[in-house]
Amino acid sequence: MNPPSYYSEWIQLFYQLKELGQEDEKIISALEKGRLEWTPGVADKIVNCTYDVIEFKLKHATRLFQQELGHSRGEEAAIISAIINARYRFDLLYRLCRLSIFPEEIKESLIHVVSKYVGDSQEALLESARHDRTGQLAYMIKHNSLIQQQTQAPAAAAREPIEQKEPNSNQFKPRRRVLF
């Protein structure tokens, strides 16, 4: 799939995203590589079309998530799988929100819409899980959140040198062993 360069190519790919059964991953990858001259008329139409796609995809992701939960029959693995699938669908929308053609304020606005929806969905799941007397469902939902965990430390931080202690410390003094 070729990256779009003209308004008509962008709009065509956005319409494809709204069709069910399309390969969203490939379409979004092409959009990420695309270029567009950001003029006032084109910008308004692209932003409006993006909001339409996001609204459609959020509703569709929720519908699929509810179907998967309905088919889970309370099985832990199936519930976690449904959450992971929903998180993947939401991640694709976040990628759409971060397209390089958008100015920062547009990106922030689009991301806010998706984040609000995902946060509200997570809260609704937790609220419904409060009715589970065992607490197992609430535990699963809290530890397998729809909200992406963006607070993980970078891998470089894990490789920081460990603070060395002074060589004269009592750490290396021989100790007396007493055997009975």
C-alpha atoms as a PDB file:
ATOM      1  CA  MET A   1       0.000   0.000   0.000  1.00  0.00           C
ATOM      2  CA  ASN A   2       1.451   3.341  -1.059  1.00  0.00           C
ATOM      3  CA  PRO A   3       1.684   6.265   1.370  1.00  0.00           C
ATOM      4  CA  PRO A   4      -0.791   9.034   0.479  1.00  0.00           C
ATOM      5  CA  SER A   5       0.441  12.377  -0.851  1.00  0.00           C
ATOM      6  CA  TYR A   6      -2.764  14.045  -2.021  1.00  0.00           C
ATOM      7  CA  TYR A   7      -5.990  14.877  -0.233  1.00  0.00           C
ATOM      8  CA  SER A   8      -7.968  12.396  -2.341  1.00  0.00           C
ATOM      9  CA  GLU A   9      -5.590   9.559  -1.381  1.00  0.00           C
ATOM     10  CA  TRP A  10      -5.880  10.461   2.312  1.00  0.00           C
ATOM     11  CA  ILE A  11      -9.667  10.518   2.176  1.00  0.00           C
ATOM     12  CA  GLN A  12      -9.767   7.189   0.365  1.00  0.00           C
ATOM     13  CA  LEU A  13      -7.657   5.553   3.095  1.00  0.00           C
ATOM     14  CA  PHE A  14      -9.825   7.110   5.813  1.00  0.00           C
ATOM     15  CA  TYR A  15     -12.922   5.664   4.147  1.00  0.00           C
ATOM     16  CA  GLN A  16     -11.217   2.271   4.008  1.00  0.00           C
ATOM     17  CA  LEU A  17     -10.647   2.494   7.763  1.00  0.00           C
ATOM     18  CA  LYS A  18     -14.403   2.903   8.208  1.00  0.00           C
ATOM     19  CA  GLU A  19     -15.110  -0.276   6.231  1.00  0.00           C
ATOM     20  CA  LEU A  20     -15.216  -3.469   8.259  1.00  0.00           C
ATOM     21  CA  GLY A  21     -12.853  -6.275   7.337  1.00  0.00           C
ATOM     22  CA  GLN A  22     -10.016  -4.011   6.233  1.00  0.00           C
ATOM     23  CA  GLU A  23      -6.433  -4.445   7.376  1.00  0.00           C
ATOM     24  CA  ASP A  24      -6.273  -1.457   9.697  1.00  0.00           C
ATOM     25  CA  GLU A  25      -2.628  -2.066  10.578  1.00  0.00           C
ATOM     26  CA  LYS A  26      -1.514  -1.731   6.931  1.00  0.00           C
ATOM     27  CA  ILE A  27      -3.713   1.310   6.313  1.00  0.00           C
ATOM     28  CA  ILE A  28      -2.428   3.135   9.389  1.00  0.00           C
ATOM     29  CA  SER A  29       1.170   2.231   8.497  1.00  0.00           C
ATOM     30  CA  ALA A  30       0.643   3.796   5.078  1.00  0.00           C
ATOM     31  CA  LEU A  31      -0.927   6.885   6.662  1.00  0.00           C
ATOM     32  CA  GLU A  32       2.052   7.218   9.013  1.00  0.00           C
ATOM     33  CA  LYS A  33       4.379   7.386   6.016  1.00  0.00           C
ATOM     34  CA  GLY A  34       2.147   9.801   4.100  1.00  0.00           C
ATOM     35  CA  ARG A  35       2.723  13.478   3.359  1.00  0.00           C
ATOM     36  CA  LEU A  36       0.212  16.289   2.961  1.00  0.00           C
ATOM     37  CA  GLU A  37       0.426  20.024   2.482  1.00  0.00           C
ATOM     38  CA  TRP A  38      -1.403  21.431   5.518  1.00  0.00           C
ATOM     39  CA  THR A  39      -3.559  24.192   4.020  1.00  0.00           C
ATOM     40  CA  PRO A  40      -6.637  25.617   5.825  1.00  0.00           C
ATOM     41  CA  GLY A  41      -9.301  24.016   3.581  1.00  0.00           C
ATOM     42  CA  VAL A  42      -7.635  20.634   3.417  1.00  0.00           C
ATOM     43  CA  ALA A  43      -6.795  20.685   7.134  1.00  0.00           C
ATOM     44  CA  ASP A  44     -10.418  21.146   8.223  1.00  0.00           C
ATOM     45  CA  LYS A  45     -11.635  18.319   6.014  1.00  0.00           C
ATOM     46  CA  ILE A  46      -8.881  15.931   7.107  1.00  0.00           C
ATOM     47  CA  VAL A  47      -9.483  16.686  10.804  1.00  0.00           C
ATOM     48  CA  ASN A  48     -13.254  16.205  10.447  1.00  0.00           C
ATOM     49  CA  CYS A  49     -12.727  12.943   8.589  1.00  0.00           C
ATOM     50  CA  THR A  50     -10.286  11.782  11.280  1.00  0.00           C
ATOM     51  CA  TYR A  51     -12.837  12.494  14.015  1.00  0.00           C
ATOM     52  CA  ASP A  52     -15.423  10.503  12.041  1.00  0.00           C
ATOM     53  CA  VAL A  53     -13.053   7.551  11.720  1.00  0.00           C
ATOM     54  CA  ILE A  54     -12.188   7.695  15.424  1.00  0.00           C
ATOM     55  CA  GLU A  55     -15.853   7.788  16.426  1.00  0.00           C
ATOM     56  CA  PHE A  56     -16.657   4.857  14.142  1.00  0.00           C
ATOM     57  CA  LYS A  57     -13.661   2.807  15.323  1.00  0.00           C
ATOM     58  CA  LEU A  58     -14.371   3.481  19.011  1.00  0.00           C
ATOM     59  CA  LYS A  59     -17.943   2.251  18.637  1.00  0.00           C
ATOM     60  CA  HIS A  60     -16.809  -0.772  16.635  1.00  0.00           C
ATOM     61  CA  ALA A  61     -14.042  -1.641  19.146  1.00  0.00           C
ATOM     62  CA  THR A  62     -16.565  -1.434  21.985  1.00  0.00           C
ATOM     63  CA  ARG A  63     -19.033  -3.638  20.143  1.00  0.00           C
ATOM     64  CA  LEU A  64     -16.336  -6.271  19.483  1.00  0.00           C
ATOM     65  CA  PHE A  65     -15.150  -6.062  23.091  1.00  0.00           C
ATOM     66  CA  GLN A  66     -18.673  -6.614  24.395  1.00  0.00           C
ATOM     67  CA  GLN A  67     -19.120  -9.585  22.063  1.00  0.00           C
ATOM     68  CA  GLU A  68     -15.848 -11.125  23.238  1.00  0.00           C
ATOM     69  CA  LEU A  69     -16.821 -10.611  26.878  1.00  0.00           C
ATOM     70  CA  GLY A  70     -20.217 -12.164  26.175  1.00  0.00           C
ATOM     71  CA  HIS A  71     -18.562 -15.245  24.695  1.00  0.00           C
ATOM     72  CA  SER A  72     -16.058 -15.561  27.542  1.00  0.00           C
ATOM     73  CA  ARG A  73     -18.519 -17.304  29.894  1.00  0.00           C
ATOM     74  CA  GLY A  74     -16.570 -15.902  32.831  1.00  0.00           C
ATOM     75  CA  GLU A  75     -13.343 -17.683  31.921  1.00  0.00           C
ATOM     76  CA  GLU A  76     -10.341 -15.674  33.056  1.00  0.00           C
ATOM     77  CA  ALA A  77      -8.217 -16.315  29.961  1.00  0.00           C
ATOM     78  CA  ALA A  78     -11.040 -15.261  27.621  1.00  0.00           C
ATOM     79  CA  ILE A  79     -11.706 -12.072  29.589  1.00  0.00           C
ATOM     80  CA  ILE A  80      -8.021 -11.115  29.574  1.00  0.00           C
ATOM     81  CA  SER A  81      -7.851 -11.903  25.857  1.00  0.00           C
ATOM     82  CA  ALA A  82     -10.820  -9.607  25.214  1.00  0.00           C
ATOM     83  CA  ILE A  83      -9.129  -6.804  27.150  1.00  0.00           C
ATOM     84  CA  ILE A  84      -5.858  -7.263  25.253  1.00  0.00           C
ATOM     85  CA  ASN A  85      -7.704  -7.256  21.917  1.00  0.00           C
ATOM     86  CA  ALA A  86      -9.533  -4.038  22.865  1.00  0.00           C
ATOM     87  CA  ARG A  87      -6.262  -2.463  23.974  1.00  0.00           C
ATOM     88  CA  TYR A  88      -4.734  -3.319  20.577  1.00  0.00           C
ATOM     89  CA  ARG A  89      -7.676  -1.694  18.762  1.00  0.00           C
ATOM     90  CA  PHE A  90      -7.344   1.416  20.917  1.00  0.00           C
ATOM     91  CA  ASP A  91      -3.595   1.485  20.231  1.00  0.00           C
ATOM     92  CA  LEU A  92      -4.297   1.651  16.500  1.00  0.00           C
ATOM     93  CA  LEU A  93      -6.475   4.693  17.167  1.00  0.00           C
ATOM     94  CA  TYR A  94      -3.696   6.332  19.173  1.00  0.00           C
ATOM     95  CA  ARG A  95      -1.393   5.794  16.204  1.00  0.00           C
ATOM     96  CA  LEU A  96      -3.980   7.458  13.970  1.00  0.00           C
ATOM     97  CA  CYS A  97      -4.100  10.422  16.372  1.00  0.00           C
ATOM     98  CA  ARG A  98      -0.321  10.844  16.214  1.00  0.00           C
ATOM     99  CA  LEU A  99       0.026  11.092  12.437  1.00  0.00           C
ATOM    100  CA  SER A 100       2.901  13.359  11.476  1.00  0.00           C
ATOM    101  CA  ILE A 101       0.694  15.599   9.307  1.00  0.00           C
ATOM    102  CA  PHE A 102      -1.220  16.888  12.335  1.00  0.00           C
ATOM    103  CA  PRO A 103      -0.009  19.927  14.257  1.00  0.00           C
ATOM    104  CA  GLU A 104       0.597  19.313  17.977  1.00  0.00           C
ATOM    105  CA  GLU A 105      -2.680  20.899  19.153  1.00  0.00           C
ATOM    106  CA  ILE A 106      -4.683  18.656  16.785  1.00  0.00           C
ATOM    107  CA  LYS A 107      -2.764  15.572  17.965  1.00  0.00           C
ATOM    108  CA  GLU A 108      -3.444  16.470  21.592  1.00  0.00           C
ATOM    109  CA  SER A 109      -7.140  16.999  20.893  1.00  0.00           C
ATOM    110  CA  LEU A 110      -7.486  13.676  19.064  1.00  0.00           C
ATOM    111  CA  ILE A 111      -5.541  11.812  21.743  1.00  0.00           C
ATOM    112  CA  HIS A 112      -7.707  13.412  24.435  1.00  0.00           C
ATOM    113  CA  VAL A 113     -10.875  12.105  22.739  1.00  0.00           C
ATOM    114  CA  VAL A 114      -9.544   8.547  22.603  1.00  0.00           C
ATOM    115  CA  SER A 115      -8.048   8.690  26.110  1.00  0.00           C
ATOM    116  CA  LYS A 116     -11.306   9.967  27.600  1.00  0.00           C
ATOM    117  CA  TYR A 117     -13.272   7.173  25.920  1.00  0.00           C
ATOM    118  CA  VAL A 118     -10.809   4.482  27.029  1.00  0.00           C
ATOM    119  CA  GLY A 119     -10.708   5.870  30.577  1.00  0.00           C
ATOM    120  CA  ASP A 120     -14.506   5.973  30.779  1.00  0.00           C
ATOM    121  CA  SER A 121     -14.666   2.398  29.471  1.00  0.00           C
ATOM    122  CA  GLN A 122     -12.154   1.253  32.090  1.00  0.00           C
ATOM    123  CA  GLU A 123     -14.171   2.941  34.849  1.00  0.00           C
ATOM    124  CA  ALA A 124     -17.395   1.326  33.582  1.00  0.00           C
ATOM    125  CA  LEU A 125     -15.689  -2.098  33.651  1.00  0.00           C
ATOM    126  CA  LEU A 126     -14.491  -1.551  37.198  1.00  0.00           C
ATOM    127  CA  GLU A 127     -17.938  -0.369  38.264  1.00  0.00           C
ATOM    128  CA  SER A 128     -19.592  -3.465  36.827  1.00  0.00           C
ATOM    129  CA  ALA A 129     -16.930  -5.678  38.434  1.00  0.00           C
ATOM    130  CA  ARG A 130     -17.801  -4.324  41.884  1.00  0.00           C
ATOM    131  CA  HIS A 131     -20.909  -6.490  41.825  1.00  0.00           C
ATOM    132  CA  ASP A 132     -18.752  -9.636  41.694  1.00  0.00           C
ATOM    133  CA  ARG A 133     -18.660 -10.961  45.259  1.00  0.00           C
ATOM    134  CA  THR A 134     -15.423 -12.883  44.809  1.00  0.00           C
ATOM    135  CA  GLY A 135     -13.453  -9.810  43.712  1.00  0.00           C
ATOM    136  CA  GLN A 136     -11.728 -11.879  41.028  1.00  0.00           C
ATOM    137  CA  LEU A 137     -13.215  -9.906  38.126  1.00  0.00           C
ATOM    138  CA  ALA A 138     -12.185  -6.550  39.614  1.00  0.00           C
ATOM    139  CA  TYR A 139      -8.690  -7.925  40.190  1.00  0.00           C
ATOM    140  CA  MET A 140      -8.413  -9.062  36.553  1.00  0.00           C
ATOM    141  CA  ILE A 141      -9.643  -5.723  35.229  1.00  0.00           C
ATOM    142  CA  LYS A 142      -7.311  -3.692  37.441  1.00  0.00           C
ATOM    143  CA  HIS A 143      -4.285  -5.764  36.482  1.00  0.00           C
ATOM    144  CA  ASN A 144      -5.204  -6.005  32.787  1.00  0.00           C
ATOM    145  CA  SER A 145      -6.351  -2.464  32.154  1.00  0.00           C
ATOM    146  CA  LEU A 146      -7.697  -1.091  28.891  1.00  0.00           C
ATOM    147  CA  ILE A 147      -5.470   1.909  29.506  1.00  0.00           C
ATOM    148  CA  GLN A 148      -1.987   1.494  28.088  1.00  0.00           C
ATOM    149  CA  GLN A 149       0.727   1.643  30.725  1.00  0.00           C
ATOM    150  CA  GLN A 150       2.948   4.470  29.480  1.00  0.00           C
ATOM    151  CA  THR A 151       4.879   4.871  32.739  1.00  0.00           C
ATOM    152  CA  GLN A 152       7.381   2.085  32.221  1.00  0.00           C
ATOM    153  CA  ALA A 153      11.009   3.099  32.732  1.00  0.00           C
ATOM    154  CA  PRO A 154      13.187   3.070  29.630  1.00  0.00           C
ATOM    155  CA  ALA A 155      15.513   0.128  29.163  1.00  0.00           C
ATOM    156  CA  ALA A 156      18.560   2.383  29.586  1.00  0.00           C
ATOM    157  CA  ALA A 157      17.507   3.165  33.158  1.00  0.00           C
ATOM    158  CA  ALA A 158      17.731  -0.517  33.978  1.00  0.00           C
ATOM    159  CA  ARG A 159      21.402  -0.496  32.964  1.00  0.00           C
ATOM    160  CA  GLU A 160      22.479   2.297  35.327  1.00  0.00           C
ATOM    161  CA  PRO A 161      25.580   1.421  37.325  1.00  0.00           C
ATOM    162  CA  ILE A 162      24.998   0.221  40.852  1.00  0.00           C
ATOM    163  CA  GLU A 163      26.442   2.467  43.520  1.00  0.00           C
ATOM    164  CA  GLN A 164      29.702   1.000  44.839  1.00  0.00           C
ATOM    165  CA  LYS A 165      30.435   1.046  48.556  1.00  0.00           C
ATOM    166  CA  GLU A 166      33.766   2.050  49.992  1.00  0.00           C
ATOM    167  CA  PRO A 167      36.327  -0.759  49.925  1.00  0.00           C
ATOM    168  CA  ASN A 168      37.149  -0.254  53.621  1.00  0.00           C
ATOM    169  CA  SER A 169      33.653  -1.058  54.772  1.00  0.00           C
ATOM    170  CA  ASN A 170      32.879  -3.884  57.150  1.00  0.00           C
ATOM    171  CA  GLN A 171      31.235  -5.777  54.323  1.00  0.00           C
ATOM    172  CA  PHE A 172      34.313  -7.855  53.503  1.00  0.00           C
ATOM    173  CA  LYS A 173      35.657  -8.583  57.014  1.00  0.00           C
ATOM    174  CA  PRO A 174      35.985 -12.252  57.751  1.00  0.00           C
ATOM    175  CA  ARG A 175      33.462 -13.510  60.203  1.00  0.00           C
ATOM    176  CA  ARG A 176      34.023 -16.077  62.836  1.00  0.00           C
ATOM    177  CA  ARG A 177      32.090 -19.266  62.363  1.00  0.00           C
ATOM    178  CA  VAL A 178      30.927 -21.236  65.323  1.00  0.00           C
ATOM    179  CA  LEU A 179      30.114 -24.866  64.757  1.00  0.00           C
ATOM    180  CA  PHE A 180      28.361 -27.026  67.315  1.00  0.00           C
END
